[in-house]
Amino acid sequence: MSKNLRMVFIALLVALGSTIGLLESIIPIPIPLPGVRLGLSNIVVLTTIIVFGFKEGIAVSLLKSVILMFLTGSVSSFLYSFVGAFLSSIAMVIAYKYFSNIFSLIGVSLWGAIFHNIGQVSVAAFIVQNVMIFTYLPFLLLIGIFTGVFVGKTAEFISENLRRNYSVIFKEK
């Protein structure tokens, strides 16, 4: 695949992830916990890691956070999002690159969800200067299990279809 075509695909993935993230931020979910989101845009991030590679996956994740800050106008949410996205991406890259013989994509996604939540709660604890905020983490992790399974299963489905139907864009590990 040419460098230009690759860049176009990455830009489309950033746009798709940003759009999903924006929709997710405006659609209310029936969970009475502040800050809880489904993390559906992580489907795009995990798929990018699988299809294009590690640097590209991290870039899509971080660019998505920056774009969402501009679209929503929320700088405070950006801090939580950016740190969570960075840690989540790194965790998924490590899990996929070094432990894919142990973890399925669902497991890789769960690692991403865990580290995203740890990052967000760490930022919150730093901002409010109170470590008691970490008592909120188990609730976020519990919800993260369900969303992580969904994200992993969906990324698995998408990457298998891309491998089968669009092998020209697929990058093997």
Protein backbone atom coordinates (compact mmCIF):
# COMPACT_ATOMS: atom_id res chain seq x y z
CA MET A 1 0.00 0.00 0.00
CA SER A 2 1.33 3.43 -0.88
CA LYS A 3 2.24 5.88 1.85
CA ASN A 4 -0.46 8.31 0.69
CA LEU A 5 -3.19 5.67 0.70
CA ARG A 6 -2.09 4.56 4.16
CA MET A 7 -2.30 8.15 5.40
CA VAL A 8 -5.81 8.48 3.94
CA PHE A 9 -6.93 5.32 5.75
CA ILE A 10 -5.47 6.56 9.05
CA ALA A 11 -7.20 9.94 8.60
CA LEU A 12 -10.49 8.16 7.94
CA LEU A 13 -10.02 6.08 11.09
CA VAL A 14 -9.33 9.22 13.14
CA ALA A 15 -12.50 10.79 11.71
CA LEU A 16 -14.54 7.65 12.38
CA GLY A 17 -13.23 7.32 15.94
CA SER A 18 -13.91 11.01 16.59
CA THR A 19 -17.44 10.74 15.22
CA ILE A 20 -18.23 7.69 17.33
CA GLY A 21 -16.72 9.42 20.38
CA LEU A 22 -18.80 12.55 19.75
CA LEU A 23 -22.01 10.55 19.35
CA GLU A 24 -21.17 8.64 22.50
CA SER A 25 -20.70 11.88 24.44
CA ILE A 26 -24.14 13.23 23.50
CA ILE A 27 -26.18 10.04 23.83
CA PRO A 28 -27.12 9.47 27.48
CA ILE A 29 -26.56 6.01 28.90
CA PRO A 30 -28.79 4.65 31.67
CA ILE A 31 -25.99 4.13 34.17
CA PRO A 32 -26.18 6.44 37.20
CA LEU A 33 -22.42 6.86 37.55
CA PRO A 34 -20.78 10.11 36.47
CA GLY A 35 -18.23 9.90 33.70
CA VAL A 36 -19.20 6.43 32.52
CA ARG A 37 -19.00 5.94 28.77
CA LEU A 38 -19.14 2.84 26.65
CA GLY A 39 -15.82 3.43 24.88
CA LEU A 40 -17.16 2.41 21.49
CA SER A 41 -14.59 4.54 19.67
CA ASN A 42 -11.97 2.14 21.05
CA ILE A 43 -13.25 -0.34 18.46
CA VAL A 44 -11.56 1.91 15.90
CA VAL A 45 -8.37 2.19 17.96
CA LEU A 46 -8.03 -1.56 18.49
CA THR A 47 -8.81 -2.27 14.84
CA THR A 48 -6.16 0.28 13.83
CA ILE A 49 -3.58 -1.44 16.05
CA ILE A 50 -4.38 -4.77 14.41
CA VAL A 51 -4.60 -3.59 10.81
CA PHE A 52 -2.01 -0.80 10.59
CA GLY A 53 0.26 -1.21 13.57
CA PHE A 54 1.15 0.14 16.96
CA LYS A 55 2.23 3.70 16.19
CA GLU A 56 -0.84 4.24 14.04
CA GLY A 57 -3.17 2.90 16.75
CA ILE A 58 -1.69 5.21 19.37
CA ALA A 59 -1.86 8.14 16.93
CA VAL A 60 -5.54 7.47 16.15
CA SER A 61 -6.32 7.26 19.87
CA LEU A 62 -4.56 10.50 20.80
CA LEU A 63 -5.74 12.47 17.77
CA LYS A 64 -9.30 11.35 18.51
CA SER A 65 -8.98 12.84 22.02
CA VAL A 66 -7.66 16.14 20.68
CA ILE A 67 -10.40 16.40 18.05
CA LEU A 68 -13.09 15.60 20.62
CA MET A 69 -11.77 18.41 22.81
CA PHE A 70 -12.29 20.86 19.95
CA LEU A 71 -15.69 19.43 19.03
CA THR A 72 -17.06 19.39 22.57
CA GLY A 73 -15.18 22.42 23.89
CA SER A 74 -14.38 20.57 27.08
CA VAL A 75 -10.77 21.04 28.14
CA SER A 76 -11.33 19.29 31.48
CA SER A 77 -12.70 16.19 29.74
CA PHE A 78 -9.68 16.30 27.46
CA LEU A 79 -7.31 15.72 30.38
CA TYR A 80 -9.19 12.59 31.44
CA SER A 81 -9.63 11.42 27.86
CA PHE A 82 -6.05 12.00 26.74
CA VAL A 83 -4.40 10.25 29.69
CA GLY A 84 -6.92 7.40 29.54
CA ALA A 85 -6.48 7.06 25.78
CA PHE A 86 -2.69 7.07 26.03
CA LEU A 87 -2.54 4.43 28.78
CA SER A 88 -5.23 2.35 27.11
CA SER A 89 -3.44 2.39 23.76
CA ILE A 90 -0.10 1.46 25.30
CA ALA A 91 -1.75 -1.38 27.26
CA MET A 92 -3.48 -2.71 24.15
CA VAL A 93 -0.29 -2.49 22.09
CA ILE A 94 1.70 -4.39 24.73
CA ALA A 95 -1.04 -7.00 25.21
CA TYR A 96 -1.45 -7.50 21.45
CA LYS A 97 2.24 -7.44 20.55
CA TYR A 98 3.66 -9.52 23.38
CA PHE A 99 0.76 -11.53 24.81
CA SER A 100 -1.55 -12.32 21.88
CA ASN A 101 -0.68 -15.98 22.43
CA ILE A 102 -2.35 -15.60 25.86
CA PHE A 103 -5.08 -12.99 25.23
CA SER A 104 -7.71 -12.90 22.53
CA LEU A 105 -8.75 -9.50 21.21
CA ILE A 106 -11.33 -9.46 23.99
CA GLY A 107 -8.50 -9.77 26.51
CA VAL A 108 -6.51 -7.08 24.72
CA SER A 109 -9.57 -4.82 24.83
CA LEU A 110 -10.08 -5.55 28.54
CA TRP A 111 -6.49 -4.45 29.24
CA GLY A 112 -7.25 -1.26 27.36
CA ALA A 113 -10.42 -0.67 29.39
CA ILE A 114 -8.60 -1.30 32.68
CA PHE A 115 -5.81 1.15 31.90
CA HIS A 116 -8.19 3.75 30.49
CA ASN A 117 -10.09 3.72 33.79
CA ILE A 118 -6.90 3.80 35.85
CA GLY A 119 -5.69 6.79 33.84
CA GLN A 120 -8.93 8.71 34.23
CA VAL A 121 -9.22 8.08 37.96
CA SER A 122 -5.55 9.02 38.42
CA VAL A 123 -6.16 12.35 36.68
CA ALA A 124 -9.24 12.93 38.84
CA ALA A 125 -7.28 12.15 42.02
CA PHE A 126 -4.55 14.55 40.93
CA ILE A 127 -7.00 17.33 40.11
CA VAL A 128 -9.02 17.07 43.33
CA GLN A 129 -5.92 16.20 45.38
CA ASN A 130 -7.69 13.29 47.06
CA VAL A 131 -6.76 9.62 46.70
CA MET A 132 -10.21 8.59 47.96
CA ILE A 133 -11.38 9.06 44.38
CA PHE A 134 -9.81 5.65 43.71
CA THR A 135 -12.76 4.07 45.58
CA TYR A 136 -14.70 4.83 42.39
CA LEU A 137 -12.34 2.66 40.32
CA PRO A 138 -13.96 -0.75 41.06
CA PHE A 139 -17.30 0.49 39.69
CA LEU A 140 -15.64 1.77 36.52
CA LEU A 141 -13.69 -1.47 36.13
CA LEU A 142 -16.87 -3.53 36.47
CA ILE A 143 -18.56 -1.57 33.70
CA GLY A 144 -15.31 -1.71 31.73
CA ILE A 145 -15.49 -5.51 31.69
CA PHE A 146 -18.77 -5.45 29.78
CA THR A 147 -17.74 -2.70 27.38
CA GLY A 148 -14.29 -4.23 26.91
CA VAL A 149 -15.81 -7.55 25.85
CA PHE A 150 -18.07 -5.78 23.36
CA VAL A 151 -15.22 -3.66 21.96
CA GLY A 152 -12.92 -6.70 21.67
CA LYS A 153 -15.54 -8.89 20.01
CA THR A 154 -16.45 -6.13 17.54
CA ALA A 155 -12.80 -5.40 16.68
CA GLU A 156 -12.27 -9.13 16.18
CA PHE A 157 -15.20 -9.28 13.75
CA ILE A 158 -14.04 -6.19 11.83
CA SER A 159 -10.39 -7.27 11.58
CA GLU A 160 -11.35 -10.78 10.41
CA ASN A 161 -13.53 -9.28 7.68
CA LEU A 162 -10.82 -6.83 6.66
CA ARG A 163 -8.28 -9.66 6.49
CA ARG A 164 -10.61 -11.75 4.35
CA ASN A 165 -11.91 -9.02 2.03
CA TYR A 166 -9.24 -6.30 1.99
CA SER A 167 -5.96 -8.11 2.51
CA VAL A 168 -4.09 -5.37 0.64
CA ILE A 169 -4.40 -3.02 3.65
CA PHE A 170 -3.76 -5.59 6.34
CA LYS A 171 -0.49 -5.54 8.26
CA GLU A 172 0.52 -8.78 9.91
CA LYS A 173 2.08 -8.72 13.38
